[in-house]
Amino acid sequence: MTRRLAIWLATFFGSGYLPKAPGTWGTLAAVPLAMVSQSLGAGWSWIILGSVCVLGVWSAGVTCRVVQRKDPSEVVIDEVAGFLLAMIVAPPGWGWMLGGFVFFRLFDIFKPWPVDVLERLPGGWGIMADDLAAGAYAGLCLFWIARIGLP
């Protein structure tokens, strides 16, 4: 039962099993949660993100042990956490959600420093940490655009 729950959470309710680009599907599946999180305000957004992080480290670690792979592609709870982090600083609205989605996916795919270094951490920590760093980069871009504007 515990293994099933961990895998269900790590794959974000099965979205990590969708074909081709599971990270993109996982991020897309996180959009409703990000919308709810934004509507509740910054305090609740941080609580939701913290909860996803705690559950993510645990469930990703368990899933890695079960499937006997270091960073299984079907584990997408890390994308959920990274996207939520990016959206904490964004104003509400579909345009910002789309911008956050694009920025997050780009940073998650290309893994600029230190994103690439953080994924080397063991177990669920490494799985979660690199996507949180990608989310932080995406959030900085959104913050910059929202506060300063486009160049």
Foldseek 3Di string as FASTA:
>chain_A
DVLVVLLCLQLVNVCLVDPDQSLLSLLVVLLVVLQVLVVVALVSLVVVLVVLLVSQQVSQQSNCVVVVHFGDSSGRSLSSSLLSLLSSLADDDPVLSVLSSVQLVVCLVVVDPPLVVQLPDGTSRNNNVSSNVSSVRNNVVRNCCVPPNDD
